[in-house]
Amino acid sequence: MRYFIKQIIIVVLLTVSLTACQKEKQEFIDDTNDEETIALDSVLTGMLLSASQNNGYLDNIIDGNGCISVSLPVTVIVNGQEVIIQQPSDYQLILDIFNSFENDIDTLEIVFPIRVIFEDYQDIEVGSLQVLTGIIEACVNEVDDTYTCVDFIYPIQCYTYDHITEETGLVSLNNNAEWFWYLNYLDEDNYITIKYPMVVVVDGISNVIQNNDELLVLMNQVNCDLDEGIDADKFLAYLLKGDWYVNLLNEDGADSTCEYLGYIFEFSSDGTLTATTYSEVRNGTWSMELVANEWILELFFDCIDPNDPLENLNHTWVIFNSSSQRMKLKVANSSGEAYDYLYFGRDPAINCTSGNGQLLVTTLQSGLWGIESFLDDGNDETSNYVGYEIAFENGGIAVASRGIYTYYGSWEVTGTDEPDLSLDFGTQIPLDDLNKNWDVTGFNDDSITLDEMGSGTDQLVLFKI
C-alpha cells in the first residue's frame, strides 16, 4: 500500500503547486533550518500521518467500523425510509429516525453499489453487502489511530529537499489527503521542513504552532481515547444536577462561545431542557443513548429564526469526556474531516472578546446593585436612592428594595457589541426618574456607568453590593 502511494503522489503533487529549483545546499539550509527538518522515520512524521489519515470513525452509524469510510453521497434505508446522505451532518437524519420510537427495532440497509475509502484515501467500488463485510473483516489499519482527533487548518506549506539531486522547493497542501500523501512521499533521500506558523486544532481549540518542538509538545499532550469508558450512570447524575453554561462552541474552526453568555441550561429527568436568559425561558428536549459503541446526547430547541444561537446546539452529539464540572461533546462537521465541539461547564465562559451585551446581562444578574451616583439634568440626586438594592431577575423583572418595601419594574439589554440598558419602574417615586434608555459607557464586575441616550444629560452609576 505504501509503495502505491509513492507512485501516485508524483501525479498529485502536480496539482498542489510544487515548485522546485536548483540551489546550493547552504542556501536551502538558510531557508528551512536543519533543526526543523522532518524525515521519514521521525516520531513527528508518525504523529502527523496518524492525524491526517482518513478518519473512518465518523460514519460508524453506517458501516460500524473505523477502518474504512463510505464515500458520500450514499443512499440508505433506515427503518424502511429511504435517506440520501449528502454530507457528514446528514448522519443525524439516521439518528432522528432511530429516535422516533422508543420500543421499535432499528434497521439500516445500504443501497449498493457504493465506494469505500481506506485510511490512505484509496477508494474502491463495492457492489454488495457480502463484499463489504469481507472488506471490513480483512481490513487492518497500518497507520496508528492515536491522533485521529487532531485537525489541521489548511493550507500547510512545506519546504522540500532531495538529498541526491539537491533540488529544493515549496509545496502547498490543502487538505488531509494531500498532507497524508505528501508525508508518505518522504524517504531517506527526501525530507521536508514545515513553513511555520501552522494551526493545529485539538478538542476544538486552535493552537498556533511556531516550530517542531511546540508541535511535538502539543501532540504528546493529545488524548484521543477520551470517548472510551463513559460511565452512563455517572454522566446522567452530573447532567441532571445543577446549572450548566456553554464554555465552548467551535464550529468549522470558528469560535461562537460568546453568543451564549447569559444562557443558563438545566436538564430535567423527564427529558426536558431549559435555556434561561434575563428575558425569557426557552424550552427544549434532550435524550441519551448508545449508538455504534458511542454514547450520544441529542439536544433540540424549536428555533424559527435560523440565526437563533440555540439552533447551533441542535445536533446528536457524541459524549467523549465528562466529570461533575465539565462535559465535552463533539459531532462531525460539514467537511467530514473534523469535528465541531460543544463544552458545558459549571461557570460562565471567560475571556470572550465579543458579545458585550450578553456579558452585561451576566454581570447584572451576578448579584445586587446599589446606586453610587445619580445626576438628573446636572443635579446630584444620589441621596434619594440611599439604601436601595436592585436585583435584575430572569424574565426582564427588576426588583428594587429598601427596608420593608419592595418595588417591581422591568429591564432589558439591547445591542450586542455596544449594549444599551432600558429601565422602567412605572410611576413609583423616586424610581420613576430612572425610567430611561441608558447608553452603557462602561462596566466591570463591580461598577456600571450609564449615560442618558439622545440629548439628555442624566448619568447613573451602579455599584455591586
Protein backbone atom coordinates (compact mmCIF):
# COMPACT_ATOMS: atom_id res chain seq x y z
CA MET A 1 0.00 0.00 0.00
CA ARG A 2 2.81 2.38 0.85
CA TYR A 3 4.59 1.75 -2.47
CA PHE A 4 1.41 2.56 -4.36
CA ILE A 5 1.09 5.87 -2.56
CA LYS A 6 4.62 6.88 -3.53
CA GLN A 7 3.72 6.31 -7.17
CA ILE A 8 0.53 8.33 -7.19
CA ILE A 9 1.97 11.18 -5.15
CA ILE A 10 4.06 12.27 -8.13
CA VAL A 11 0.84 12.97 -10.02
CA VAL A 12 -0.89 14.56 -7.03
CA LEU A 13 1.94 16.98 -6.39
CA LEU A 14 1.43 18.47 -9.82
CA THR A 15 -1.95 19.71 -8.59
CA VAL A 16 -0.66 21.28 -5.39
CA SER A 17 1.76 23.74 -6.98
CA LEU A 18 5.09 22.13 -6.20
CA THR A 19 7.84 24.39 -7.48
CA ALA A 20 11.38 23.10 -7.47
CA CYS A 21 14.62 24.79 -8.35
CA GLN A 22 18.33 24.06 -8.09
CA LYS A 23 20.02 25.78 -5.15
CA GLU A 24 23.22 25.49 -3.26
CA LYS A 25 22.82 23.24 -0.21
CA GLN A 26 23.79 26.04 2.17
CA GLU A 27 21.06 28.27 0.69
CA PHE A 28 18.44 25.59 1.38
CA ILE A 29 19.56 25.26 4.98
CA ASP A 30 19.22 29.01 5.41
CA ASP A 31 15.59 28.82 4.19
CA THR A 32 14.46 25.85 6.23
CA ASN A 33 16.69 25.36 9.29
CA ASP A 34 18.23 21.87 9.69
CA GLU A 35 16.81 21.52 13.20
CA GLU A 36 13.27 21.81 11.82
CA THR A 37 13.52 19.14 9.11
CA ILE A 38 11.15 16.16 9.19
CA ALA A 39 12.39 12.79 7.94
CA LEU A 40 10.62 9.55 7.04
CA ASP A 41 11.36 7.71 10.28
CA SER A 42 10.91 10.60 12.71
CA VAL A 43 8.46 10.39 15.61
CA LEU A 44 6.78 13.57 14.41
CA THR A 45 6.14 12.11 10.95
CA GLY A 46 4.31 9.16 12.50
CA MET A 47 2.16 11.51 14.57
CA LEU A 48 1.27 13.65 11.54
CA LEU A 49 0.41 10.58 9.45
CA SER A 50 -1.90 9.38 12.22
CA ALA A 51 -3.64 12.76 12.42
CA SER A 52 -4.05 13.23 8.65
CA GLN A 53 -5.26 9.72 7.70
CA ASN A 54 -8.85 9.20 6.57
CA ASN A 55 -10.94 9.06 9.74
CA GLY A 56 -13.13 6.00 9.39
CA TYR A 57 -14.90 6.54 12.70
CA LEU A 58 -17.07 9.49 11.65
CA ASP A 59 -19.57 7.30 9.76
CA ASN A 60 -19.72 4.35 12.16
CA ILE A 61 -23.50 4.58 12.22
CA ILE A 62 -23.43 3.32 8.60
CA ASP A 63 -20.57 0.81 8.40
CA GLY A 64 -19.90 0.11 12.09
CA ASN A 65 -16.10 0.20 11.86
CA GLY A 66 -13.20 2.64 11.87
CA CYS A 67 -11.02 1.04 9.20
CA ILE A 68 -12.93 2.43 6.20
CA SER A 69 -15.47 5.12 5.48
CA VAL A 70 -18.29 5.18 2.94
CA SER A 71 -17.89 7.78 0.20
CA LEU A 72 -20.72 10.31 0.05
CA PRO A 73 -23.35 10.67 -1.25
CA VAL A 74 -24.80 7.31 -0.27
CA THR A 75 -28.40 6.07 -0.08
CA VAL A 76 -29.55 4.04 2.93
CA ILE A 77 -32.88 2.56 4.01
CA VAL A 78 -33.47 3.45 7.67
CA ASN A 79 -36.39 1.68 9.35
CA GLY A 80 -37.99 1.40 5.90
CA GLN A 81 -37.37 5.05 4.92
CA GLU A 82 -35.01 5.99 2.09
CA VAL A 83 -32.44 8.58 3.16
CA ILE A 84 -29.76 10.15 0.97
CA ILE A 85 -26.67 11.13 2.96
CA GLN A 86 -25.07 14.04 1.12
CA GLN A 87 -22.67 15.27 3.82
CA PRO A 88 -21.49 14.19 7.30
CA SER A 89 -24.05 16.37 9.08
CA ASP A 90 -26.76 14.21 7.45
CA TYR A 91 -25.79 11.30 9.73
CA GLN A 92 -28.14 12.98 12.17
CA LEU A 93 -31.05 12.15 9.84
CA ILE A 94 -30.40 8.48 10.58
CA LEU A 95 -30.30 9.10 14.31
CA ASP A 96 -33.51 11.14 14.14
CA ILE A 97 -35.31 8.18 12.57
CA PHE A 98 -33.80 5.76 15.08
CA ASN A 99 -35.04 8.01 17.88
CA SER A 100 -38.59 8.39 16.51
CA PHE A 101 -39.89 5.46 18.56
CA GLU A 102 -38.54 4.05 21.79
CA ASN A 103 -39.50 0.38 21.52
CA ASP A 104 -39.00 -0.39 17.82
CA ILE A 105 -36.14 -2.37 16.24
CA ASP A 106 -33.82 -0.05 14.32
CA THR A 107 -32.53 -1.25 10.94
CA LEU A 108 -30.23 0.26 8.32
CA GLU A 109 -29.74 -1.10 4.82
CA ILE A 110 -27.11 0.28 2.43
CA VAL A 111 -28.13 0.68 -1.22
CA PHE A 112 -25.32 -0.73 -3.38
CA PRO A 113 -23.09 -0.10 -5.23
CA ILE A 114 -21.06 2.23 -3.02
CA ARG A 115 -17.46 3.36 -2.82
CA VAL A 116 -15.42 2.92 0.35
CA ILE A 117 -12.32 4.89 1.33
CA PHE A 118 -9.36 3.40 3.18
CA GLU A 119 -7.05 5.10 5.68
CA ASP A 120 -4.71 6.21 2.87
CA TYR A 121 -7.60 7.70 0.82
CA GLN A 122 -7.56 4.95 -1.80
CA ASP A 123 -11.12 4.01 -2.71
CA ILE A 124 -12.82 1.09 -4.43
CA GLU A 125 -16.32 0.26 -5.60
CA VAL A 126 -18.28 -2.28 -3.54
CA GLY A 127 -21.28 -3.99 -5.13
CA SER A 128 -22.85 -5.95 -2.28
CA LEU A 129 -23.14 -6.34 1.48
CA GLN A 130 -21.24 -9.62 1.25
CA VAL A 131 -18.25 -7.91 -0.36
CA LEU A 132 -18.41 -5.03 2.14
CA THR A 133 -18.46 -7.46 5.06
CA GLY A 134 -15.41 -9.23 3.65
CA ILE A 135 -13.53 -5.94 3.27
CA ILE A 136 -14.34 -4.92 6.84
CA GLU A 137 -13.26 -8.29 8.23
CA ALA A 138 -9.97 -8.20 6.31
CA CYS A 139 -9.22 -4.51 6.82
CA VAL A 140 -6.31 -3.68 9.10
CA ASN A 141 -5.18 -0.13 9.78
CA GLU A 142 -1.47 0.18 9.07
CA VAL A 143 -1.35 3.71 10.45
CA ASP A 144 -1.70 4.26 14.19
CA ASP A 145 -5.06 5.77 15.25
CA THR A 146 -3.65 7.57 18.29
CA TYR A 147 -4.00 11.08 16.83
CA THR A 148 -7.20 10.87 14.75
CA CYS A 149 -8.85 13.58 16.86
CA VAL A 150 -6.25 16.16 15.75
CA ASP A 151 -7.24 18.52 12.92
CA PHE A 152 -5.24 20.96 10.81
CA ILE A 153 -6.11 24.35 9.33
CA TYR A 154 -5.09 24.39 5.67
CA PRO A 155 -3.20 25.23 3.59
CA ILE A 156 0.01 23.86 5.11
CA GLN A 157 3.21 24.86 3.32
CA CYS A 158 6.45 22.88 3.41
CA TYR A 159 9.96 23.40 2.11
CA THR A 160 11.29 20.27 0.36
CA TYR A 161 14.80 18.93 -0.16
CA ASP A 162 16.12 15.98 -2.18
CA HIS A 163 19.49 14.92 -0.76
CA ILE A 164 20.58 13.22 -4.02
CA THR A 165 19.66 15.89 -6.57
CA GLU A 166 19.93 18.82 -4.12
CA GLU A 167 16.65 20.10 -5.53
CA THR A 168 14.55 22.28 -3.24
CA GLY A 169 11.03 23.63 -3.48
CA LEU A 170 7.91 24.81 -1.71
CA VAL A 171 4.68 22.79 -1.70
CA SER A 172 1.22 23.91 -0.56
CA LEU A 173 -1.09 21.21 0.84
CA ASN A 174 -4.81 21.92 1.00
CA ASN A 175 -6.50 19.02 2.81
CA ASN A 176 -5.89 15.88 4.85
CA ALA A 177 -5.45 13.65 1.79
CA GLU A 178 -2.72 15.81 0.25
CA TRP A 179 -0.98 16.16 3.62
CA PHE A 180 -1.11 12.37 4.19
CA TRP A 181 0.11 11.58 0.67
CA TYR A 182 2.98 14.01 0.93
CA LEU A 183 4.17 12.65 4.27
CA ASN A 184 4.22 9.20 2.65
CA TYR A 185 6.40 10.61 -0.12
CA LEU A 186 9.27 11.05 2.33
CA ASP A 187 12.15 8.58 2.18
CA GLU A 188 15.79 8.52 3.24
CA ASP A 189 16.71 10.95 0.47
CA ASN A 190 13.72 13.31 0.75
CA TYR A 191 12.73 15.36 3.75
CA ILE A 192 10.74 18.49 4.46
CA THR A 193 10.51 21.49 6.74
CA ILE A 194 7.12 22.91 7.72
CA LYS A 195 6.77 26.60 6.97
CA TYR A 196 5.54 27.86 10.33
CA PRO A 197 3.31 29.12 11.82
CA MET A 198 0.68 26.41 11.37
CA VAL A 199 -2.63 25.97 13.21
CA VAL A 200 -3.46 22.64 14.85
CA VAL A 201 -6.93 22.04 16.32
CA VAL A 202 -7.32 19.72 19.32
CA ASP A 203 -10.72 19.26 21.00
CA GLY A 204 -11.98 22.34 19.19
CA ILE A 205 -9.15 24.55 20.47
CA SER A 206 -6.96 26.19 17.82
CA ASN A 207 -3.24 26.16 18.66
CA VAL A 208 -0.80 28.36 16.73
CA ILE A 209 2.44 26.38 16.41
CA GLN A 210 5.77 28.07 15.68
CA ASN A 211 8.25 25.18 15.42
CA ASN A 212 8.75 21.40 15.61
CA ASP A 213 9.33 21.42 19.37
CA GLU A 214 5.98 23.11 20.02
CA LEU A 215 4.27 20.67 17.66
CA LEU A 216 5.80 17.67 19.45
CA VAL A 217 4.77 19.01 22.86
CA LEU A 218 1.18 19.51 21.69
CA MET A 219 0.94 16.09 20.03
CA ASN A 220 2.31 14.38 23.13
CA GLN A 221 -0.44 16.01 25.20
CA VAL A 222 -3.22 14.74 22.93
CA ASN A 223 -5.56 12.05 24.25
CA CYS A 224 -7.93 10.84 21.54
CA ASP A 225 -9.21 7.99 23.69
CA LEU A 226 -11.34 10.17 25.98
CA ASP A 227 -14.51 8.76 24.43
CA GLU A 228 -13.74 5.32 25.86
CA GLY A 229 -15.18 4.32 29.18
CA ILE A 230 -18.01 6.86 29.50
CA ASP A 231 -19.98 5.82 32.58
CA ALA A 232 -23.59 6.49 31.58
CA ASP A 233 -24.93 6.44 35.13
CA LYS A 234 -22.35 8.94 36.36
CA PHE A 235 -22.88 11.14 33.32
CA LEU A 236 -26.63 11.27 33.93
CA ALA A 237 -26.07 12.11 37.58
CA TYR A 238 -23.82 15.01 36.58
CA LEU A 239 -26.15 16.14 33.79
CA LEU A 240 -29.25 16.39 35.98
CA LYS A 241 -27.60 18.17 38.89
CA GLY A 242 -27.46 21.96 38.83
CA ASP A 243 -26.95 24.57 36.14
CA TRP A 244 -24.71 24.36 33.08
CA TYR A 245 -23.13 27.06 30.90
CA VAL A 246 -21.67 26.85 27.40
CA ASN A 247 -17.89 27.07 27.83
CA LEU A 248 -17.03 26.36 24.19
CA LEU A 249 -18.80 26.08 20.85
CA ASN A 250 -16.40 25.63 17.95
CA GLU A 251 -17.95 25.10 14.51
CA ASP A 252 -15.78 24.55 11.43
CA GLY A 253 -12.91 26.13 13.35
CA ALA A 254 -14.92 29.26 14.31
CA ASP A 255 -15.47 30.05 18.00
CA SER A 256 -19.09 31.03 18.79
CA THR A 257 -18.85 30.63 22.56
CA CYS A 258 -19.61 34.25 23.43
CA GLU A 259 -23.04 34.06 21.80
CA TYR A 260 -24.14 32.00 24.83
CA LEU A 261 -23.11 34.34 27.62
CA GLY A 262 -26.19 34.85 29.77
CA TYR A 263 -27.72 31.45 28.95
CA ILE A 264 -28.23 29.05 31.86
CA PHE A 265 -29.04 25.45 30.88
CA GLU A 266 -30.87 22.96 33.08
CA PHE A 267 -31.55 19.30 32.24
CA SER A 268 -34.53 17.50 33.83
CA SER A 269 -35.07 13.77 34.29
CA ASP A 270 -38.21 13.81 32.10
CA GLY A 271 -36.14 14.65 29.01
CA THR A 272 -36.91 18.37 29.02
CA LEU A 273 -34.29 21.10 28.84
CA THR A 274 -34.44 24.83 29.55
CA ALA A 275 -32.19 27.66 28.40
CA THR A 276 -32.85 30.69 30.60
CA THR A 277 -31.75 34.28 29.97
CA TYR A 278 -32.66 37.53 31.69
CA SER A 279 -35.65 37.99 29.37
CA GLU A 280 -37.00 34.54 28.55
CA VAL A 281 -37.06 30.82 29.25
CA ARG A 282 -36.64 28.59 26.19
CA ASN A 283 -37.87 25.00 26.35
CA GLY A 284 -36.14 22.12 24.62
CA THR A 285 -35.61 18.38 24.87
CA TRP A 286 -32.69 16.02 25.34
CA SER A 287 -32.14 12.28 25.02
CA MET A 288 -29.21 9.93 25.51
CA GLU A 289 -28.49 6.51 24.05
CA LEU A 290 -25.72 4.15 22.98
CA VAL A 291 -25.16 4.08 19.19
CA ALA A 292 -22.30 2.23 17.46
CA ASN A 293 -20.48 1.86 20.80
CA GLU A 294 -20.64 5.60 21.49
CA TRP A 295 -22.84 7.44 23.98
CA ILE A 296 -24.66 10.26 22.26
CA LEU A 297 -26.58 13.23 23.66
CA GLU A 298 -29.23 14.71 21.37
CA LEU A 299 -30.27 18.32 22.03
CA PHE A 300 -33.23 20.06 20.42
CA PHE A 301 -34.72 23.56 20.65
CA ASP A 302 -37.55 24.68 18.37
CA CYS A 303 -36.00 27.64 16.55
CA ILE A 304 -37.90 29.72 13.99
CA ASP A 305 -35.02 32.10 13.27
CA PRO A 306 -32.09 30.29 11.57
CA ASN A 307 -29.75 32.78 13.29
CA ASP A 308 -31.02 31.77 16.73
CA PRO A 309 -27.91 30.69 18.73
CA LEU A 310 -29.80 27.70 20.11
CA GLU A 311 -30.20 26.34 16.57
CA ASN A 312 -26.47 25.54 16.54
CA LEU A 313 -26.93 23.25 19.55
CA ASN A 314 -29.48 21.07 17.71
CA HIS A 315 -27.29 18.06 16.99
CA THR A 316 -26.76 14.50 18.07
CA TRP A 317 -23.51 14.97 19.98
CA VAL A 318 -21.01 12.27 20.87
CA ILE A 319 -20.05 12.38 24.56
CA PHE A 320 -16.28 11.97 24.74
CA ASN A 321 -15.42 13.26 28.21
CA SER A 322 -17.35 14.15 31.36
CA SER A 323 -16.98 14.98 35.03
CA SER A 324 -19.07 16.70 37.68
CA GLN A 325 -17.76 20.07 36.43
CA ARG A 326 -17.44 19.64 32.67
CA MET A 327 -18.94 17.68 29.78
CA LYS A 328 -17.35 17.59 26.33
CA LEU A 329 -19.36 16.80 23.20
CA LYS A 330 -18.45 16.55 19.51
CA VAL A 331 -20.13 15.98 16.15
CA ALA A 332 -18.74 15.57 12.62
CA ASN A 333 -18.66 18.96 10.91
CA SER A 334 -19.65 19.86 7.36
CA SER A 335 -16.22 18.98 5.90
CA GLY A 336 -16.32 15.42 7.19
CA GLU A 337 -12.63 15.68 8.08
CA ALA A 338 -13.02 17.22 11.53
CA TYR A 339 -15.39 17.77 14.44
CA ASP A 340 -17.43 20.59 15.90
CA TYR A 341 -17.11 20.80 19.68
CA LEU A 342 -19.51 21.81 22.45
CA TYR A 343 -18.33 22.05 26.07
CA PHE A 344 -20.60 22.70 29.06
CA GLY A 345 -19.22 23.83 32.42
CA ARG A 346 -20.46 24.95 35.82
CA ASP A 347 -19.39 28.59 35.37
CA PRO A 348 -19.96 31.10 32.55
CA ALA A 349 -17.35 31.29 29.81
CA ILE A 350 -14.46 33.68 30.33
CA ASN A 351 -12.12 35.63 28.04
CA CYS A 352 -14.81 36.49 25.50
CA THR A 353 -13.69 39.14 23.02
CA SER A 354 -17.19 39.92 21.72
CA GLY A 355 -20.79 39.69 22.81
CA ASN A 356 -20.66 42.54 25.38
CA GLY A 357 -24.46 42.58 25.50
CA GLN A 358 -24.62 39.08 26.91
CA LEU A 359 -21.66 39.82 29.17
CA LEU A 360 -23.55 42.83 30.57
CA VAL A 361 -26.56 40.60 31.23
CA THR A 362 -24.37 38.13 33.11
CA THR A 363 -22.84 40.97 35.13
CA LEU A 364 -26.23 42.50 36.02
CA GLN A 365 -27.54 39.14 37.21
CA SER A 366 -24.44 38.33 39.27
CA GLY A 367 -25.79 39.98 42.44
CA LEU A 368 -27.47 43.04 43.98
CA TRP A 369 -26.70 46.58 42.83
CA GLY A 370 -26.84 49.93 44.59
CA ILE A 371 -26.86 53.47 43.20
CA GLU A 372 -23.48 55.11 43.66
CA SER A 373 -24.49 58.36 41.98
CA PHE A 374 -27.38 59.84 40.01
CA LEU A 375 -27.25 63.16 38.18
CA ASP A 376 -30.64 64.44 36.96
CA ASP A 377 -30.18 67.32 34.50
CA GLY A 378 -26.89 68.04 36.23
CA ASN A 379 -28.38 67.97 39.74
CA ASP A 380 -26.96 65.43 42.18
CA GLU A 381 -29.92 63.42 43.50
CA THR A 382 -27.94 60.45 44.77
CA SER A 383 -29.27 60.89 48.32
CA ASN A 384 -32.78 59.91 47.15
CA TYR A 385 -31.54 56.37 46.46
CA VAL A 386 -29.52 55.58 49.57
CA GLY A 387 -30.41 52.08 50.81
CA TYR A 388 -31.96 50.83 47.56
CA GLU A 389 -30.91 47.37 46.38
CA ILE A 390 -31.76 46.42 42.80
CA ALA A 391 -31.91 42.84 41.52
CA PHE A 392 -32.06 42.10 37.78
CA GLU A 393 -34.01 38.85 37.60
CA ASN A 394 -34.88 36.43 34.81
CA GLY A 395 -37.77 37.39 32.58
CA GLY A 396 -36.71 41.04 32.49
CA ILE A 397 -38.02 41.72 36.02
CA ALA A 398 -36.25 44.40 38.07
CA VAL A 399 -36.79 44.33 41.84
CA ALA A 400 -35.85 47.42 43.90
CA SER A 401 -35.94 47.00 47.69
CA ARG A 402 -35.36 49.37 50.61
CA GLY A 403 -36.11 48.22 54.11
CA ILE A 404 -39.52 46.54 54.22
CA TYR A 405 -40.61 47.99 50.87
CA THR A 406 -40.25 46.25 47.51
CA TYR A 407 -40.98 47.76 44.10
CA TYR A 408 -41.16 45.96 40.75
CA GLY A 409 -40.16 47.17 37.31
CA SER A 410 -38.65 45.89 34.09
CA TRP A 411 -35.25 45.90 32.41
CA GLU A 412 -33.87 44.98 29.00
CA VAL A 413 -30.45 44.92 27.38
CA THR A 414 -30.30 45.61 23.64
CA GLY A 415 -27.30 45.57 21.33
CA THR A 416 -24.50 43.02 21.06
CA ASP A 417 -21.16 44.81 20.99
CA GLU A 418 -22.29 48.25 22.28
CA PRO A 419 -25.21 47.43 24.60
CA ASP A 420 -27.92 49.73 25.97
CA LEU A 421 -29.97 49.24 29.14
CA SER A 422 -33.65 50.21 29.44
CA LEU A 423 -35.26 50.63 32.89
CA ASP A 424 -38.93 51.15 33.75
CA PHE A 425 -40.29 51.33 37.33
CA GLY A 426 -43.64 52.85 36.35
CA THR A 427 -44.78 55.85 38.44
CA GLN A 428 -43.06 54.86 41.68
CA ILE A 429 -41.19 57.90 43.10
CA PRO A 430 -38.17 58.33 43.05
CA LEU A 431 -37.51 55.26 40.90
CA ASP A 432 -39.51 56.77 38.04
CA ASP A 433 -36.59 59.13 37.34
CA LEU A 434 -34.60 56.04 36.29
CA ASN A 435 -37.14 55.23 33.55
CA LYS A 436 -34.90 55.84 30.57
CA ASN A 437 -32.97 54.21 27.77
CA TRP A 438 -29.40 54.27 29.01
CA ASP A 439 -26.21 54.10 26.99
CA VAL A 440 -23.76 51.76 28.75
CA THR A 441 -20.48 53.68 28.64
CA GLY A 442 -18.52 51.24 30.78
CA PHE A 443 -18.87 48.27 33.09
CA ASN A 444 -16.96 45.63 35.01
CA ASP A 445 -17.75 43.13 37.75
CA ASP A 446 -18.18 45.89 40.37
CA SER A 447 -19.46 49.00 38.56
CA ILE A 448 -21.74 50.01 35.66
CA THR A 449 -21.77 53.55 34.23
CA LEU A 450 -24.85 54.70 32.28
CA ASP A 451 -25.49 57.91 30.32
CA GLU A 452 -28.90 59.04 29.12
CA MET A 453 -29.33 58.35 25.42
CA GLY A 454 -30.15 61.14 22.99
CA SER A 455 -29.80 64.77 24.06
CA GLY A 456 -30.27 64.11 27.79
CA THR A 457 -27.60 64.84 30.41
CA ASP A 458 -28.58 62.36 33.14
CA GLN A 459 -25.96 59.93 34.42
CA LEU A 460 -26.41 56.84 36.60
CA VAL A 461 -23.63 54.79 38.21
CA LEU A 462 -24.43 51.41 39.79
CA PHE A 463 -22.14 49.63 42.23
CA LYS A 464 -22.04 45.97 43.26
CA ILE A 465 -23.29 45.45 46.81
